[in-house]
Protein backbone atom coordinates (compact mmCIF):
# COMPACT_ATOMS: atom_id res chain seq x y z
CA MET A 1 0.00 0.19 0.10
CA TRP A 2 1.52 3.21 -1.15
CA THR A 3 1.66 6.20 1.73
CA THR A 4 3.47 9.27 1.98
CA PRO A 5 5.94 9.90 4.86
CA ILE A 6 5.47 13.62 6.22
CA ILE A 7 7.89 15.98 7.55
CA SER A 8 6.32 18.51 10.03
CA ALA A 9 8.03 21.97 9.58
CA ALA A 10 5.56 24.03 11.71
CA ALA A 11 6.77 26.26 14.21
CA ALA A 12 6.54 24.15 17.13
CA PRO A 13 10.15 22.60 17.62
CA ALA A 14 9.02 19.04 16.78
CA ILE A 15 9.48 16.45 14.08
CA THR A 16 6.84 14.23 12.85
CA LEU A 17 7.22 11.47 10.11
CA LEU A 18 4.94 8.80 8.65
CA THR A 19 6.68 6.21 6.79
CA ARG A 20 5.26 3.51 4.49
CA ASP A 21 7.52 0.78 4.92
CA ALA A 22 8.73 -0.63 8.57
CA PRO A 23 9.52 -4.12 7.67
CA LEU A 24 7.86 -5.88 10.36
CA VAL A 25 6.47 -8.93 8.64
CA GLY A 26 7.61 -8.07 5.31
CA CYS A 27 4.38 -7.02 3.88
CA GLY A 28 2.91 -3.82 2.93
CA CYS A 29 2.39 -1.49 5.58
CA SER A 30 -0.10 1.23 6.50
CA PRO A 31 0.55 4.36 8.89
CA VAL A 32 -0.62 4.49 12.20
CA LEU A 33 -0.35 7.27 14.63
CA SER A 34 -0.37 7.49 18.37
CA HIS A 35 -2.20 10.48 19.46
CA THR A 36 -1.33 10.18 23.16
CA SER A 37 2.58 10.53 22.74
CA GLY A 38 2.52 12.12 19.26
CA ILE A 39 4.49 9.50 17.53
CA ALA A 40 4.08 8.80 14.11
CA ALA A 41 4.81 4.97 13.33
CA ALA A 42 4.17 2.40 10.54
CA LEU A 43 2.47 -0.84 10.81
CA PRO A 44 1.37 -3.97 8.65
CA SER A 45 -1.61 -3.35 7.00
CA SER A 46 -3.26 -7.08 7.12
CA SER A 47 -5.76 -7.10 9.84
CA SER A 48 -4.27 -9.96 12.00
CA SER A 49 -0.47 -8.15 11.83
CA PHE A 50 -2.22 -4.84 12.73
CA SER A 51 -4.11 -6.08 15.70
CA SER A 52 -0.92 -8.01 17.19
CA CYS A 53 1.04 -5.03 16.80
CA ARG A 54 -1.45 -2.72 18.13
CA ARG A 55 -1.73 -4.81 21.57
CA GLU A 56 2.21 -4.73 21.79
CA LEU A 57 2.16 -0.90 21.57
CA GLN A 58 -0.77 -0.87 23.92
CA LYS A 59 1.36 -2.39 26.65
CA LEU A 60 3.66 0.63 26.38
CA GLY A 61 0.70 2.93 27.01
CA LEU A 62 0.46 3.99 23.07
CA GLN A 63 -3.08 4.06 21.35
CA CYS A 64 -2.95 3.76 17.80
CA ARG A 65 -5.25 3.81 14.93
CA ARG A 66 -5.13 3.50 10.84
CA LEU A 67 -4.79 6.53 8.81
CA THR A 68 -6.64 6.62 5.57
CA SER A 69 -5.01 7.49 2.14
CA SER A 70 -6.67 11.04 2.45
CA THR A 71 -5.52 11.57 5.72
CA SER A 72 -1.85 10.30 4.95
CA ALA A 73 -1.34 13.32 2.86
CA VAL A 74 -1.60 15.56 6.02
CA CYS A 75 -0.31 14.63 9.46
CA ARG A 76 -2.51 15.90 12.08
CA SER A 77 -0.24 15.54 14.87
CA LYS A 78 0.60 18.96 16.23
CA SER A 79 4.24 17.63 17.70
CA ALA A 80 6.05 14.41 17.94
CA PRO A 81 9.43 13.71 19.65
CA ALA A 82 11.14 11.51 17.15
CA LEU A 83 10.78 8.44 15.42
CA SER A 84 12.85 5.32 14.90
CA ILE A 85 11.82 2.67 12.12
CA GLY A 86 13.38 -0.40 13.20
CA ALA A 87 13.04 -3.73 11.85
CA GLY A 88 11.70 -6.94 13.04
CA LYS A 89 11.63 -7.44 16.78
CA LYS A 90 13.49 -4.17 17.14
CA TYR A 91 10.63 -2.08 16.12
CA VAL A 92 8.64 -2.18 19.40
CA SER A 93 11.75 -1.32 21.48
CA GLY A 94 12.80 1.53 19.12
CA LEU A 95 9.16 3.13 20.24
CA GLU A 96 9.78 2.26 23.65
CA SER A 97 13.20 4.13 23.83
CA ILE A 98 11.54 7.16 22.13
CA LYS A 99 8.83 7.12 24.82
CA ASN A 100 11.68 6.71 27.55
CA GLY A 101 13.49 9.57 25.83
CA ALA A 102 16.49 7.85 24.78
CA GLN A 103 16.43 8.19 20.99
CA ASP A 104 18.18 10.96 19.63
CA HIS A 105 17.97 10.36 16.02
CA ILE A 106 15.40 9.56 13.28
CA ARG A 107 15.98 6.06 11.55
CA PHE A 108 14.38 5.64 8.40
CA SER A 109 13.21 2.25 6.67
CA SER A 110 16.05 2.13 4.36
CA GLY A 111 18.30 1.68 7.25
CA SER A 112 20.00 5.49 7.02
CA ARG A 113 19.98 7.80 9.63
CA LEU A 114 19.15 11.72 10.18
CA SER A 115 21.15 13.07 12.77
CA ALA A 116 18.83 15.46 14.35
CA PRO A 117 18.59 15.96 18.04
CA LEU A 118 15.06 16.35 19.41
CA GLY A 119 13.57 19.60 19.34
CA GLU A 120 15.79 20.56 16.01
CA PHE A 121 14.35 20.94 12.53
CA ILE A 122 15.29 19.10 9.87
CA THR A 123 17.08 21.05 7.05
CA LEU A 124 14.87 22.30 4.01
CA SER A 125 15.95 23.48 0.70
CA ARG A 126 15.81 27.22 0.14
CA LYS A 127 12.67 26.59 -2.12
CA GLN A 128 10.87 24.65 0.59
CA GLN A 129 11.88 27.27 3.24
CA GLN A 130 10.20 29.95 0.98
CA GLN A 131 7.00 27.71 0.53
CA GLN A 132 6.95 27.30 4.28
CA GLN A 133 7.04 31.05 4.91
CA LYS A 134 4.21 31.44 2.08
CA PHE A 135 1.89 28.51 3.30
CA PRO A 136 2.69 28.04 6.86
CA GLY A 137 0.30 25.67 7.39
CA ARG A 138 1.48 23.22 4.64
CA LYS A 139 3.78 20.00 5.40
CA THR A 140 6.79 19.09 3.45
CA VAL A 141 6.25 15.78 1.62
CA VAL A 142 9.40 13.39 1.74
CA ASN A 143 10.30 10.38 -0.08
CA CYS A 144 10.86 8.24 2.97
CA ARG A 145 13.40 6.03 1.18
CA MET A 146 15.35 9.02 0.05
CA ALA A 147 14.99 11.27 3.01
CA ASP A 148 18.58 11.60 4.57
CA GLU A 149 19.77 14.98 5.51
CA GLU A 150 17.55 17.25 3.56
CA ALA A 151 13.74 16.83 2.15
CA LEU A 152 13.74 15.64 -1.31
CA LEU A 153 10.50 16.32 -2.76
CA SER A 154 8.42 19.87 -2.67
CA PRO A 155 4.90 20.25 -1.29
CA SER A 156 3.58 20.63 -4.69
CA SER A 157 5.46 17.72 -6.40
CA ILE A 158 2.46 15.41 -6.05
CA SER A 159 -0.96 16.37 -4.91
CA ALA A 160 -3.15 14.04 -2.72
CA SER A 161 -5.24 13.22 -5.24
CA GLU A 162 -2.48 11.73 -7.13
CA LEU A 163 -1.50 10.00 -4.13
CA ARG A 164 -4.69 8.31 -3.77
CA GLU A 165 -4.72 7.44 -7.52
CA ARG A 166 -1.40 5.59 -7.15
CA GLU A 167 -2.33 4.08 -4.10
CA GLU A 168 -5.52 2.42 -5.57
CA GLN A 169 -3.36 1.25 -8.67
CA ALA A 170 -0.82 -0.18 -6.39
CA ARG A 171 -3.55 -2.11 -4.55
CA GLU A 172 -5.24 -3.15 -8.07
CA TRP A 173 -2.10 -4.53 -9.72
CA ALA A 174 -0.14 -5.92 -6.73
CA HIS A 175 -1.88 -9.28 -6.97
CA GLN A 176 -1.97 -9.47 -10.78
CA PRO A 177 0.75 -11.33 -12.94
CA ARG A 178 2.96 -9.07 -15.01
CA ARG A 179 5.22 -9.76 -17.88
CA ILE A 180 8.46 -8.10 -17.17
CA ALA A 181 11.69 -7.81 -19.67
CA LEU A 182 14.76 -7.62 -17.83
CA PHE A 183 18.03 -6.37 -19.54
CA VAL A 184 21.07 -7.32 -17.57
CA GLU A 185 24.88 -6.48 -18.59
CA PRO A 186 26.93 -8.20 -17.66
CA SER A 187 25.33 -11.63 -17.56
CA PRO A 188 24.23 -12.51 -13.90
CA PHE A 189 24.87 -16.23 -14.93
CA ALA A 190 28.62 -15.79 -16.19
CA TYR A 191 30.15 -12.66 -14.96
CA ILE A 192 31.07 -12.97 -10.89
CA CYS A 193 30.21 -9.55 -9.64
CA GLY A 194 28.10 -8.05 -6.62
CA TYR A 195 24.89 -8.06 -8.28
CA LYS A 196 24.55 -11.54 -9.46
CA ASN A 197 22.96 -12.78 -6.47
CA ARG A 198 20.60 -9.94 -6.57
CA PHE A 199 19.33 -10.53 -9.99
CA GLN A 200 19.14 -14.15 -9.74
CA ASN A 201 17.22 -13.91 -6.35
CA PHE A 202 14.99 -11.44 -8.10
CA ILE A 203 14.34 -13.45 -10.94
CA ARG A 204 13.63 -16.48 -8.89
CA TYR A 205 11.06 -14.43 -6.60
CA LEU A 206 9.32 -12.75 -9.48
CA ARG A 207 8.66 -16.29 -11.03
CA GLU A 208 7.57 -17.58 -7.57
CA MET A 209 4.84 -14.66 -7.66
CA GLY A 210 3.47 -15.84 -11.12
CA ASP A 211 5.14 -13.01 -13.20
CA GLU A 212 6.41 -14.12 -16.57
CA VAL A 213 10.10 -12.83 -17.20
CA LEU A 214 12.22 -12.26 -20.11
CA ILE A 215 16.18 -12.01 -19.61
CA VAL A 216 18.34 -10.34 -22.33
CA THR A 217 21.90 -10.65 -21.53
CA THR A 218 25.37 -10.85 -22.75
CA HIS A 219 25.59 -13.95 -24.69
CA GLU A 220 28.70 -15.83 -22.82
CA GLY A 221 27.68 -18.71 -20.76
CA VAL A 222 24.10 -17.96 -20.58
CA PRO A 223 21.64 -20.87 -20.05
CA GLU A 224 18.49 -21.38 -22.31
CA GLU A 225 16.40 -20.79 -19.23
CA PHE A 226 16.70 -19.71 -15.43
CA CYS A 227 13.84 -20.61 -12.92
CA GLY A 228 11.16 -20.81 -15.74
CA ALA A 229 12.31 -17.60 -17.43
CA LYS A 230 13.50 -17.64 -21.07
CA VAL A 231 17.13 -16.18 -21.63
CA VAL A 232 18.19 -14.27 -24.61
CA GLY A 233 21.79 -14.04 -25.25
CA SER A 234 22.74 -10.90 -27.15
CA TRP A 235 26.26 -10.81 -29.09
CA SER A 236 28.74 -9.12 -26.73
CA PHE A 237 32.13 -7.53 -27.01
CA ARG A 238 34.97 -6.77 -24.50
CA CYS A 239 35.02 -3.26 -23.11
CA PRO A 240 38.34 -1.68 -24.24
CA LEU A 241 39.31 -0.38 -20.75
CA TYR A 242 38.08 -3.26 -18.64
CA THR A 243 38.68 -6.38 -21.20
CA ILE A 244 36.99 -8.73 -18.63
CA LEU A 245 33.47 -6.93 -18.81
CA PRO A 246 31.39 -8.00 -21.57
CA LEU A 247 29.12 -5.43 -23.01
CA SER A 248 26.24 -5.45 -25.74
CA LEU A 249 23.66 -3.10 -27.20
CA ALA A 250 20.95 -5.53 -27.41
CA LEU A 251 19.17 -3.77 -30.55
CA SER A 252 19.37 -6.58 -33.02
CA PRO A 253 16.10 -7.38 -34.78
CA ARG A 254 16.14 -10.61 -33.16
CA ILE A 255 16.50 -8.98 -29.38
CA TYR A 256 13.58 -6.51 -30.71
CA ASN A 257 11.52 -9.32 -32.04
CA GLU A 258 11.86 -11.19 -28.90
CA VAL A 259 10.80 -8.64 -26.61
CA SER A 260 8.06 -7.38 -28.97
CA ASN A 261 6.45 -10.71 -29.07
CA PHE A 262 6.94 -11.11 -25.28
CA LYS A 263 4.44 -8.00 -24.99
CA PRO A 264 6.21 -7.00 -21.41
CA ASP A 265 4.11 -4.51 -19.20
CA ILE A 266 7.50 -3.11 -18.11
CA ILE A 267 11.21 -2.96 -19.04
CA HIS A 268 13.94 -3.07 -16.27
CA ALA A 269 17.25 -2.46 -17.38
CA SER A 270 20.78 -2.21 -15.39
CA SER A 271 22.61 0.97 -15.82
CA PRO A 272 25.10 2.55 -16.60
CA GLY A 273 26.32 0.52 -19.48
CA VAL A 274 25.67 -0.19 -23.32
CA MET A 275 22.93 -2.49 -23.02
CA VAL A 276 20.74 0.42 -21.49
CA PHE A 277 20.73 2.36 -24.53
CA GLY A 278 19.00 -0.56 -26.27
CA ALA A 279 16.65 -1.39 -23.66
CA LEU A 280 15.71 2.57 -23.69
CA ILE A 281 15.11 2.71 -27.40
CA ILE A 282 13.26 -0.73 -27.40
CA ALA A 283 11.07 0.64 -24.53
CA LYS A 284 10.20 4.05 -26.43
CA LEU A 285 9.32 2.03 -29.73
CA LEU A 286 7.06 -0.23 -27.91
CA SER A 287 5.57 2.29 -25.63
CA VAL A 288 6.52 0.43 -22.46
CA PRO A 289 7.14 1.91 -19.09
CA ILE A 290 11.13 1.51 -18.29
CA VAL A 291 13.08 1.44 -14.87
CA MET A 292 16.74 1.61 -14.67
CA SER A 293 18.46 0.23 -11.68
CA TYR A 294 22.06 2.20 -11.11
CA HIS A 295 24.55 -0.57 -9.78
CA THR A 296 27.90 0.67 -10.63
CA HIS A 297 29.11 4.35 -9.93
CA VAL A 298 31.22 4.36 -12.73
CA PRO A 299 32.38 8.37 -12.29
CA LEU A 300 34.50 6.73 -9.29
CA TYR A 301 35.99 4.31 -11.35
CA ILE A 302 36.94 6.36 -14.45
CA PRO A 303 40.29 7.73 -12.88
CA LYS A 304 41.42 4.59 -11.87
CA TYR A 305 41.19 3.20 -15.53
CA THR A 306 41.44 6.00 -17.89
CA PHE A 307 41.50 9.78 -18.17
CA SER A 308 40.21 11.85 -15.35
CA TRP A 309 38.59 14.23 -17.96
CA LEU A 310 36.02 11.47 -19.06
CA VAL A 311 34.28 11.83 -15.81
CA THR A 312 32.22 14.97 -16.90
CA PRO A 313 30.87 13.31 -20.06
CA MET A 314 30.25 10.26 -18.38
CA TRP A 315 27.93 12.37 -16.24
CA TRP A 316 26.18 13.55 -19.21
CA ILE A 317 25.18 9.92 -20.16
CA ILE A 318 23.96 9.40 -16.92
CA ARG A 319 21.68 12.39 -16.91
CA PHE A 320 20.46 11.39 -20.34
CA LEU A 321 19.71 7.93 -19.50
CA HIS A 322 17.96 8.52 -16.12
CA ARG A 323 16.04 11.50 -16.82
CA ALA A 324 14.35 9.28 -19.71
CA ALA A 325 13.69 6.60 -17.35
CA ASP A 326 10.33 6.60 -15.55
CA LEU A 327 12.08 5.18 -12.29
CA THR A 328 15.63 4.87 -11.22
CA LEU A 329 16.57 2.29 -8.49
CA VAL A 330 19.51 3.14 -6.43
CA MET A 331 21.21 0.83 -4.00
CA SER A 332 21.50 2.84 -1.15
CA SER A 333 20.50 6.38 -0.27
CA ALA A 334 23.90 8.39 -0.34
CA LEU A 335 24.12 7.36 -4.06
CA GLY A 336 20.47 8.45 -4.75
CA LYS A 337 21.35 12.00 -3.22
CA GLU A 338 23.94 12.24 -5.55
CA LEU A 339 22.22 11.25 -8.39
CA LYS A 340 19.63 13.80 -7.22
CA ALA A 341 22.21 16.53 -6.97
CA ALA A 342 23.69 15.73 -10.23
CA GLY A 343 20.33 16.36 -11.96
CA ALA A 344 20.32 12.77 -13.11
CA ALA A 345 16.71 11.88 -11.62
CA ALA A 346 13.82 14.04 -9.89
CA ALA A 347 13.57 12.97 -6.33
CA GLU A 348 10.12 11.72 -6.61
CA LYS A 349 11.38 9.43 -9.51
CA ILE A 350 14.32 7.65 -7.07
CA GLY A 351 13.64 4.53 -4.99
CA ILE A 352 15.87 2.41 -3.26
CA TRP A 353 16.22 -1.22 -4.22
CA SER A 354 15.98 -2.61 -0.52
CA LYS A 355 19.19 -5.03 0.15
CA GLY A 356 18.86 -8.74 0.72
CA VAL A 357 21.10 -11.63 1.89
CA ASP A 358 20.87 -15.49 1.97
CA SER A 359 21.22 -15.69 5.60
CA GLU A 360 21.07 -19.63 5.65
CA SER A 361 23.88 -20.07 3.13
CA PHE A 362 26.00 -17.47 5.18
CA HIS A 363 25.73 -18.44 8.72
CA PRO A 364 28.14 -18.78 11.73
CA ARG A 365 27.44 -22.46 11.61
CA PHE A 366 30.01 -23.05 8.70
CA ARG A 367 32.98 -21.91 10.82
CA SER A 368 35.56 -24.65 9.79
CA HIS A 369 38.99 -25.55 11.71
CA GLU A 370 40.18 -26.98 8.17
CA MET A 371 39.19 -23.56 6.40
CA ARG A 372 41.15 -21.67 9.11
CA VAL A 373 44.21 -23.95 8.98
CA LYS A 374 43.83 -23.54 4.89
CA LEU A 375 43.54 -19.68 5.05
CA THR A 376 46.37 -19.20 7.67
CA LYS A 377 48.66 -21.66 5.99
CA GLY A 378 48.84 -23.83 8.93
CA GLN A 379 48.59 -21.20 11.70
CA PRO A 380 45.07 -21.62 12.82
CA ALA A 381 45.75 -19.71 16.11
CA ALA A 382 46.95 -16.64 14.37
CA PRO A 383 44.51 -14.01 14.23
CA LEU A 384 42.83 -14.14 10.79
CA ILE A 385 41.72 -11.07 8.77
CA VAL A 386 39.60 -12.02 5.51
CA HIS A 387 38.81 -9.57 2.62
CA VAL A 388 36.35 -11.13 0.20
CA GLY A 389 35.42 -9.21 -3.31
CA ARG A 390 36.61 -8.83 -6.85
CA LEU A 391 39.94 -7.54 -7.22
CA GLY A 392 39.94 -4.40 -9.33
CA ALA A 393 42.19 -1.30 -9.18
CA GLU A 394 38.99 0.67 -7.98
CA LYS A 395 38.78 -1.24 -4.77
CA ASN A 396 41.58 0.71 -3.08
CA LEU A 397 43.27 -2.54 -2.34
CA ASP A 398 46.74 -0.97 -1.66
CA PHE A 399 45.18 0.02 1.68
CA LEU A 400 45.61 -3.36 2.91
CA ARG A 401 49.15 -3.38 2.56
CA LYS A 402 49.42 -0.48 4.90
CA VAL A 403 46.74 -2.21 7.31
CA MET A 404 49.06 -5.36 7.11
CA GLU A 405 52.22 -3.32 7.87
CA LYS A 406 50.82 -2.20 11.40
CA ILE A 407 49.32 -5.45 12.36
CA PRO A 408 52.25 -7.90 11.44
CA GLU A 409 51.04 -10.68 13.72
CA ALA A 410 47.70 -11.33 11.97
CA HIS A 411 47.08 -13.24 8.75
CA LEU A 412 45.33 -11.71 5.77
CA ALA A 413 42.99 -14.07 3.60
CA VAL A 414 41.92 -12.65 0.28
CA VAL A 415 39.13 -14.39 -1.34
CA GLY A 416 38.36 -13.30 -5.08
CA ASP A 417 39.63 -12.51 -8.57
CA GLY A 418 40.34 -10.04 -11.00
CA PRO A 419 42.47 -7.80 -13.15
CA TYR A 420 44.56 -6.42 -10.09
CA ARG A 421 45.45 -9.74 -8.46
CA GLY A 422 48.85 -9.75 -9.69
CA GLU A 423 49.82 -6.42 -8.75
CA LEU A 424 48.22 -6.66 -5.39
CA GLU A 425 50.00 -10.39 -4.69
CA LYS A 426 53.81 -8.26 -5.59
CA MET A 427 52.60 -5.61 -3.35
CA LEU A 428 51.83 -8.07 -0.33
CA GLU A 429 54.62 -10.24 -0.82
CA GLY A 430 56.63 -11.30 2.01
CA MET A 431 53.85 -10.84 4.35
CA LYS A 432 51.43 -13.24 5.94
CA VAL A 433 48.87 -13.11 3.34
CA THR A 434 46.60 -16.17 1.67
CA PHE A 435 45.25 -15.76 -1.74
CA THR A 436 42.63 -18.29 -2.35
CA GLY A 437 41.25 -17.15 -5.75
CA MET A 438 37.57 -17.37 -6.41
CA LEU A 439 35.13 -19.47 -3.80
CA GLN A 440 31.59 -20.26 -4.15
CA GLY A 441 29.34 -22.29 -2.37
CA GLU A 442 30.04 -23.69 1.15
CA GLU A 443 33.74 -23.18 0.52
CA LEU A 444 33.07 -19.28 0.25
CA SER A 445 30.63 -19.70 3.54
CA GLN A 446 33.46 -21.43 5.39
CA ALA A 447 36.08 -18.39 4.55
CA TYR A 448 33.44 -15.87 5.87
CA ALA A 449 32.65 -17.54 9.06
CA SER A 450 36.15 -18.86 9.99
CA ALA A 451 37.72 -15.51 10.02
CA ASP A 452 38.15 -13.25 12.99
CA VAL A 453 37.43 -9.98 11.24
CA PHE A 454 36.24 -8.65 7.71
CA ILE A 455 37.70 -5.85 6.08
CA THR A 456 36.82 -4.16 2.90
CA PRO A 457 38.79 -0.61 1.94
CA SER A 458 36.61 -0.04 -0.92
CA GLU A 459 35.05 3.46 -1.08
CA SER A 460 33.18 3.11 -4.31
CA GLU A 461 30.52 0.50 -3.39
CA THR A 462 26.93 1.05 -4.26
CA LEU A 463 25.65 -1.42 -1.91
CA GLY A 464 28.45 -3.82 -0.63
CA PHE A 465 27.06 -7.54 -0.89
CA VAL A 466 30.01 -8.89 0.69
CA VAL A 467 29.70 -7.04 3.92
CA LEU A 468 26.06 -8.14 4.06
CA GLU A 469 27.57 -11.47 3.64
CA ALA A 470 30.12 -11.43 6.28
CA MET A 471 27.65 -10.19 8.79
CA ALA A 472 25.32 -12.84 8.41
CA SER A 473 28.40 -15.17 8.73
CA GLY A 474 28.45 -13.57 12.39
CA ILE A 475 32.12 -11.76 12.29
CA PRO A 476 32.46 -8.08 12.78
CA VAL A 477 33.18 -6.14 9.99
CA VAL A 478 35.34 -2.93 9.50
CA CYS A 479 34.49 -0.83 6.44
CA ALA A 480 35.45 2.48 5.16
CA ARG A 481 32.63 5.17 5.88
CA ALA A 482 31.59 5.79 2.06
CA GLY A 483 28.89 4.67 -0.45
CA GLY A 484 26.05 2.15 0.24
CA ILE A 485 27.99 0.58 3.26
CA ILE A 486 27.08 3.52 5.64
CA ASP A 487 23.31 2.21 5.00
CA ILE A 488 24.24 -1.38 5.77
CA VAL A 489 26.55 -0.74 9.28
CA ASN A 490 23.70 1.58 10.32
CA ARG A 491 24.59 1.25 14.20
CA GLU A 492 28.20 1.92 14.07
CA GLY A 493 30.02 0.17 17.17
CA GLU A 494 26.88 -2.11 17.60
CA THR A 495 26.73 -4.20 14.14
CA GLY A 496 30.23 -3.11 12.92
CA TYR A 497 33.00 -0.04 12.72
CA LEU A 498 33.34 2.32 9.98
CA TYR A 499 36.60 4.16 9.68
CA THR A 500 37.22 7.53 8.01
CA PRO A 501 38.29 6.96 4.35
CA GLY A 502 42.06 7.16 4.28
CA ASP A 503 42.67 7.19 7.95
CA LEU A 504 44.85 4.21 8.68
CA ASP A 505 45.04 4.94 12.39
CA ASP A 506 41.26 4.72 12.74
CA CYS A 507 41.21 1.25 10.81
CA VAL A 508 44.04 -0.04 12.46
CA GLY A 509 42.80 0.71 15.71
CA LYS A 510 39.42 -0.55 15.14
CA ILE A 511 40.87 -3.75 14.04
CA LYS A 512 43.22 -4.21 16.99
CA SER A 513 40.18 -3.82 19.50
CA LEU A 514 38.60 -6.54 17.92
CA LEU A 515 41.43 -8.85 17.51
CA ALA A 516 42.19 -8.46 21.21
CA SER A 517 38.74 -9.22 22.58
CA PRO A 518 37.08 -12.70 21.58
CA GLU A 519 33.93 -11.03 23.95
CA LEU A 520 33.89 -7.80 21.39
CA ARG A 521 33.91 -9.86 18.38
CA MET A 522 31.32 -12.25 19.50
CA LYS A 523 28.60 -9.02 20.59
CA ILE A 524 29.17 -7.22 17.36
CA GLY A 525 29.12 -10.57 15.24
CA SER A 526 25.88 -11.56 17.06
CA ALA A 527 24.21 -8.24 16.66
CA ALA A 528 25.56 -8.06 13.13
CA ARG A 529 24.02 -11.53 12.29
CA GLU A 530 20.54 -10.33 14.03
CA GLU A 531 20.62 -7.08 11.81
CA VAL A 532 20.96 -8.98 8.69
CA GLU A 533 18.38 -11.58 9.29
CA ASN A 534 15.66 -8.88 8.58
CA PHE A 535 17.10 -8.49 4.96
CA ASP A 536 14.96 -10.99 2.83
CA TRP A 537 15.43 -11.26 -0.87
CA ARG A 538 11.34 -12.38 -1.25
CA ALA A 539 10.58 -9.18 0.75
CA SER A 540 13.08 -7.03 -1.26
CA THR A 541 11.51 -8.34 -4.65
CA ARG A 542 7.95 -8.02 -3.51
CA GLN A 543 8.88 -4.35 -2.82
CA VAL A 544 10.27 -3.60 -6.31
CA ARG A 545 7.55 -5.53 -8.05
CA ASN A 546 4.51 -4.26 -5.81
CA GLU A 547 5.82 -0.53 -5.14
CA MET A 548 8.61 0.42 -7.24
CA TYR A 549 7.21 -0.96 -10.90
CA THR A 550 3.75 0.52 -9.74
CA SER A 551 5.31 4.01 -9.35
CA ALA A 552 7.10 3.57 -12.64
CA ILE A 553 3.77 2.70 -14.55
CA TRP A 554 2.12 5.50 -12.91
CA PHE A 555 4.66 7.95 -13.57
CA TRP A 556 4.45 6.70 -17.38
CA ARG A 557 0.81 7.07 -17.58
CA ARG A 558 0.91 10.17 -16.23
CA LYS A 559 3.57 11.73 -18.62
CA ARG A 560 1.30 10.13 -21.36
CA GLU A 561 -1.81 11.78 -20.34
CA GLN A 562 0.04 15.13 -19.93
CA LEU A 563 1.48 14.79 -23.42
CA SER A 564 -1.76 13.78 -24.80
CA SER A 565 -3.56 16.98 -23.29
CA ARG A 566 -0.69 19.26 -24.70
CA PHE A 567 -0.95 17.86 -28.11
CA SER A 568 -4.67 16.87 -28.32
CA TRP A 569 -4.51 17.26 -32.28
CA TRP A 570 -2.25 14.13 -32.08
CA PRO A 571 -3.78 10.47 -31.75
CA MET A 572 -2.26 9.24 -28.36
CA SER A 573 -4.16 6.24 -26.76
CA THR A 574 -3.95 5.79 -23.10
CA ALA A 575 -2.44 2.38 -22.44
CA PRO A 576 -4.54 0.23 -20.08
CA ALA A 577 -3.23 -1.19 -16.65
CA PRO A 578 -0.80 -3.76 -17.32
CA VAL A 579 -2.75 -6.88 -17.15
CA THR A 580 -1.91 -10.47 -18.11
CA SER A 581 -5.00 -12.71 -19.07
C-alpha cells in the first residue's frame, strides 16, 4: 500500500514522520499514529498483523489507529518527539526508547539515519523554506526511502489526489501477474560480480509470484532458461578499458522481435552500460514503461582506469539515461542523493532497491577449523582477517598493505579474483597473506565464518553485498565510511565498525580492538547477524514489484496523459493497466 512520509516543519520545535515501510513482517504497511504521545509509526496493513502490533504498543501505553489515504497526505499531529523505524523485533523496542526519551535520531526504513537531536528542525531546501514562509500550514512531503539530510520533494510535487490514485493502482495491480523484460549487463549467470545474487534471487522470486520474465543479457555462458524464465543472449564485445567486462547493445532485430513478441508490461534495465541504451530505445518503440537500476558508480571508477576528464562526459550520459527513465532504482540513500544532486533524476523518481542476503547460506555454523588452517597456511591460532570481493584497481586494495604493515602478527586471507590480483600479490609479497582465488558455495561460506574480522577498504560500493554476507556469517566488519556501506552498518559500534576513508590509524585501531577481545567480536558479530536476518530477498523483490514498478507505471501513464492533453490534435491512446490474461 502506498503511503507518503510527512515531515512537519511547523513552528513547534518537533519532528513528525510517517513512513510507508517498516519491515515488520515483510508485507505492505499502513501508517498508524499514536495521538497520546505524538509518535508517528508504521504497521502492517493486514488486519491480523495490525491487531497483534497494536496489542504490543498498547502495553507501552500507546493508542494507535489506522490512517486512510486521505489523511496520509496531511499529518494531524501537532508535535512528535522523534521516530525510529527499526526492523522485526526491534520495532517495538525502538518506540519504547523514544517514549523513554533515549532516542536522539530518526532512523528511516532504508536503514539510513538523520542526525537531528530532539527539538531541532530538519534542514529544508531554500525553495521549501520559501514555500513554508508563504504557506505556514503546509507540510513538506518527503520520499521516505530518500530522506537522509534534506527533504527531497517539494510540497507541490504530488497532490493528495494523485497519491490516492497511485495507492489505488498499487492495490489493484499488486496481485496481478505481470510480464517483465529484464536487460542485464553483464550476464548475472557468467560474470562474477556483486549483483549476480541480486538478479538471480530477483528473477527466482518474480517467478514464484507468478510473473512472466524475459531476460536479455550478454551471450557468453548464458543458459536457455532460469527458473522458468527465458534467457536471450545478445552478442557481446569486451570493454576496451576493462577487458574482462562483456558489453552488448542488444538492439538487433532478433532482440527487438523477442521483446516485442513477449509483450512486456514493463522493462527493467541495469545501468550504466551499453545495453541500457538498447533497452531504452526498445521501451520507447514499444511504448512501455522503463525502470533503470543503477548498480556501478562509474564516475568514481574512471580515474582508476583512464583519463579523469572523461568523468564529466560520463555524467552527461548518466543524466541523459536516467532522465528518460520512468523510475531510477539505487542501492543506497547516499547514491540516490548524489544522482539527485547531479540532476540525473528527480527525487520523486528515485527509489531504493532494498538489500537482501541469503542468511541460511551465510551462517556462523559454517565456521571450519580445516578452512581456517587453509586460510592461515597452517597457523590457525594466528589472528585471521579476511577480505572478499573482486580484485579491481577501483577497490582501493593497496590500503590492505598499509594495514598489514601495522598488524604484522595477523594473517590476511584474500578471497576473490580480478585484474588487479597480480599487482596486489606483488604488493603483499613477504607478508602473511593467502590468496584463495574465487570461492563459491560452502567453501565461500566457510571462508567468511572462519575468520575473526572482515575488512573492505573500498570507497566506491553502491551497496556492498560482501559486507552483508560477512555480517550474516557472524563476524565483525570494518569498512570505509563511504557509499552504500553506510546504509548497511547503520549502528556503528554495535553491528560493525566504520573508519574515516584514508585514515589508517582509525582503521587499524578498530581492527586491533576486535582482535584483542573475543567477547567484543562475539557481541558485534551476533548483533550483525541479528541485523541482517531482517534482509530477505523475497521481501526485497515484493517491494520492487509491488511498489517500485507500480510507481514507474503510474509516472509513465501520467506523462502520457500530460502529453496527450498538450498535443490533443495528435492521436495518442492511453494504455490500459498492465494486466496479463
